[in-house]
Amino acid sequence: MLDETFQVTFRMPQADLDAWVAESFPDRKPPDKNPFLLGPCEADLCVGVMRDRVDRSNAGATDIALTARHADDGTALVSFDAS
């Protein structure tokens, strides 16, 4: 089996960010338990998700790291890595 990694960056309305994150990543870790942060979150939002690679019910990526930075124009620049 080959591993695939995706890196995506996009802008979205800042007002929609929290709802999108909650819907897309209901299994996200709280900021203090984020497995990908080695220190404090340096963005406006940091999200980490680690799913069991062996559990076949986990469709899609098993490791996800997401950051979002708010812009003055009311958008958020969202970047995430997923594998």
C-alpha atoms as a PDB file:
ATOM      1  CA  MET A   1       0.000   0.000   0.000  1.00  0.00           C
ATOM      2  CA  LEU A   2       1.249   3.480  -0.861  1.00  0.00           C
ATOM      3  CA  ASP A   3       0.810   6.419   1.437  1.00  0.00           C
ATOM      4  CA  GLU A   4      -0.616   9.591  -0.020  1.00  0.00           C
ATOM      5  CA  THR A   5      -0.149  13.039   1.454  1.00  0.00           C
ATOM      6  CA  PHE A   6      -2.182  16.078   0.526  1.00  0.00           C
ATOM      7  CA  GLN A   7      -1.330  19.689   1.246  1.00  0.00           C
ATOM      8  CA  VAL A   8      -4.070  22.222   0.657  1.00  0.00           C
ATOM      9  CA  THR A   9      -4.302  25.966   1.217  1.00  0.00           C
ATOM     10  CA  PHE A  10      -7.453  27.973   0.593  1.00  0.00           C
ATOM     11  CA  ARG A  11      -9.407  31.003   1.787  1.00  0.00           C
ATOM     12  CA  MET A  12     -12.870  30.888   3.281  1.00  0.00           C
ATOM     13  CA  PRO A  13     -15.127  33.334   5.138  1.00  0.00           C
ATOM     14  CA  GLN A  14     -13.861  33.736   8.683  1.00  0.00           C
ATOM     15  CA  ALA A  15     -17.447  33.621   9.962  1.00  0.00           C
ATOM     16  CA  ASP A  16     -17.859  30.080   8.580  1.00  0.00           C
ATOM     17  CA  LEU A  17     -14.575  28.664   9.885  1.00  0.00           C
ATOM     18  CA  ASP A  18     -15.655  27.307  13.288  1.00  0.00           C
ATOM     19  CA  ALA A  19     -18.750  25.569  11.909  1.00  0.00           C
ATOM     20  CA  TRP A  20     -16.776  24.056   9.011  1.00  0.00           C
ATOM     21  CA  VAL A  21     -14.073  22.733  11.351  1.00  0.00           C
ATOM     22  CA  ALA A  22     -16.670  21.281  13.752  1.00  0.00           C
ATOM     23  CA  GLU A  23     -18.520  19.542  10.918  1.00  0.00           C
ATOM     24  CA  SER A  24     -15.432  18.348   9.035  1.00  0.00           C
ATOM     25  CA  PHE A  25     -13.369  17.233  12.028  1.00  0.00           C
ATOM     26  CA  PRO A  26     -15.698  16.189  14.863  1.00  0.00           C
ATOM     27  CA  ASP A  27     -12.899  14.013  16.250  1.00  0.00           C
ATOM     28  CA  ARG A  28     -10.393  16.877  16.493  1.00  0.00           C
ATOM     29  CA  LYS A  29      -8.231  17.156  19.589  1.00  0.00           C
ATOM     30  CA  PRO A  30      -8.519  20.133  21.936  1.00  0.00           C
ATOM     31  CA  PRO A  31      -5.661  22.623  21.432  1.00  0.00           C
ATOM     32  CA  ASP A  32      -3.723  21.404  24.474  1.00  0.00           C
ATOM     33  CA  LYS A  33      -3.888  17.796  23.187  1.00  0.00           C
ATOM     34  CA  ASN A  34      -3.021  18.571  19.549  1.00  0.00           C
ATOM     35  CA  PRO A  35      -0.477  15.869  18.584  1.00  0.00           C
ATOM     36  CA  PHE A  36       1.164  18.062  15.932  1.00  0.00           C
ATOM     37  CA  LEU A  37       1.965  21.106  18.057  1.00  0.00           C
ATOM     38  CA  LEU A  38       5.348  21.198  19.704  1.00  0.00           C
ATOM     39  CA  GLY A  39       4.513  24.458  21.440  1.00  0.00           C
ATOM     40  CA  PRO A  40       1.724  27.016  21.514  1.00  0.00           C
ATOM     41  CA  CYS A  41      -0.413  27.513  18.405  1.00  0.00           C
ATOM     42  CA  GLU A  42       1.107  30.360  16.417  1.00  0.00           C
ATOM     43  CA  ALA A  43      -1.923  30.724  14.139  1.00  0.00           C
ATOM     44  CA  ASP A  44      -5.448  31.873  14.998  1.00  0.00           C
ATOM     45  CA  LEU A  45      -6.606  28.251  14.967  1.00  0.00           C
ATOM     46  CA  CYS A  46      -4.709  24.965  15.110  1.00  0.00           C
ATOM     47  CA  VAL A  47      -6.469  21.619  14.689  1.00  0.00           C
ATOM     48  CA  GLY A  48      -4.994  18.136  14.962  1.00  0.00           C
ATOM     49  CA  VAL A  49      -6.659  14.827  14.171  1.00  0.00           C
ATOM     50  CA  MET A  50      -5.133  11.373  14.553  1.00  0.00           C
ATOM     51  CA  ARG A  51      -7.268   8.419  13.558  1.00  0.00           C
ATOM     52  CA  ASP A  52      -6.495   4.742  14.039  1.00  0.00           C
ATOM     53  CA  ARG A  53      -4.807   3.524  10.849  1.00  0.00           C
ATOM     54  CA  VAL A  54      -5.845  -0.085  11.536  1.00  0.00           C
ATOM     55  CA  ASP A  55      -9.553   0.683  12.044  1.00  0.00           C
ATOM     56  CA  ARG A  56     -11.109   0.091   8.637  1.00  0.00           C
ATOM     57  CA  SER A  57     -14.116   2.265   9.502  1.00  0.00           C
ATOM     58  CA  ASN A  58     -11.825   5.310   9.207  1.00  0.00           C
ATOM     59  CA  ALA A  59     -12.325   6.367   5.611  1.00  0.00           C
ATOM     60  CA  GLY A  60      -9.888   8.938   4.303  1.00  0.00           C
ATOM     61  CA  ALA A  61      -6.944  10.554   6.017  1.00  0.00           C
ATOM     62  CA  THR A  62      -5.740   9.333   9.382  1.00  0.00           C
ATOM     63  CA  ASP A  63      -3.410  12.216  10.286  1.00  0.00           C
ATOM     64  CA  ILE A  64      -4.587  15.782   9.739  1.00  0.00           C
ATOM     65  CA  ALA A  65      -2.929  19.028  10.809  1.00  0.00           C
ATOM     66  CA  LEU A  66      -4.785  22.267  10.079  1.00  0.00           C
ATOM     67  CA  THR A  67      -4.001  25.916  10.751  1.00  0.00           C
ATOM     68  CA  ALA A  68      -6.043  29.011   9.998  1.00  0.00           C
ATOM     69  CA  ARG A  69      -4.965  32.638  10.023  1.00  0.00           C
ATOM     70  CA  HIS A  70      -7.511  35.443  10.038  1.00  0.00           C
ATOM     71  CA  ALA A  71      -7.100  38.188   7.429  1.00  0.00           C
ATOM     72  CA  ASP A  72      -8.224  41.804   7.650  1.00  0.00           C
ATOM     73  CA  ASP A  73     -10.701  41.273   4.796  1.00  0.00           C
ATOM     74  CA  GLY A  74     -12.883  38.869   6.836  1.00  0.00           C
ATOM     75  CA  THR A  75     -11.455  35.701   5.344  1.00  0.00           C
ATOM     76  CA  ALA A  76      -9.324  32.979   6.885  1.00  0.00           C
ATOM     77  CA  LEU A  77      -6.334  31.420   5.156  1.00  0.00           C
ATOM     78  CA  VAL A  78      -6.634  27.702   5.890  1.00  0.00           C
ATOM     79  CA  SER A  79      -3.746  25.289   5.370  1.00  0.00           C
ATOM     80  CA  PHE A  80      -3.805  21.598   6.070  1.00  0.00           C
ATOM     81  CA  ASP A  81      -1.745  18.503   5.580  1.00  0.00           C
ATOM     82  CA  ALA A  82      -3.488  15.158   5.468  1.00  0.00           C
ATOM     83  CA  SER A  83      -2.164  11.649   5.045  1.00  0.00           C
END
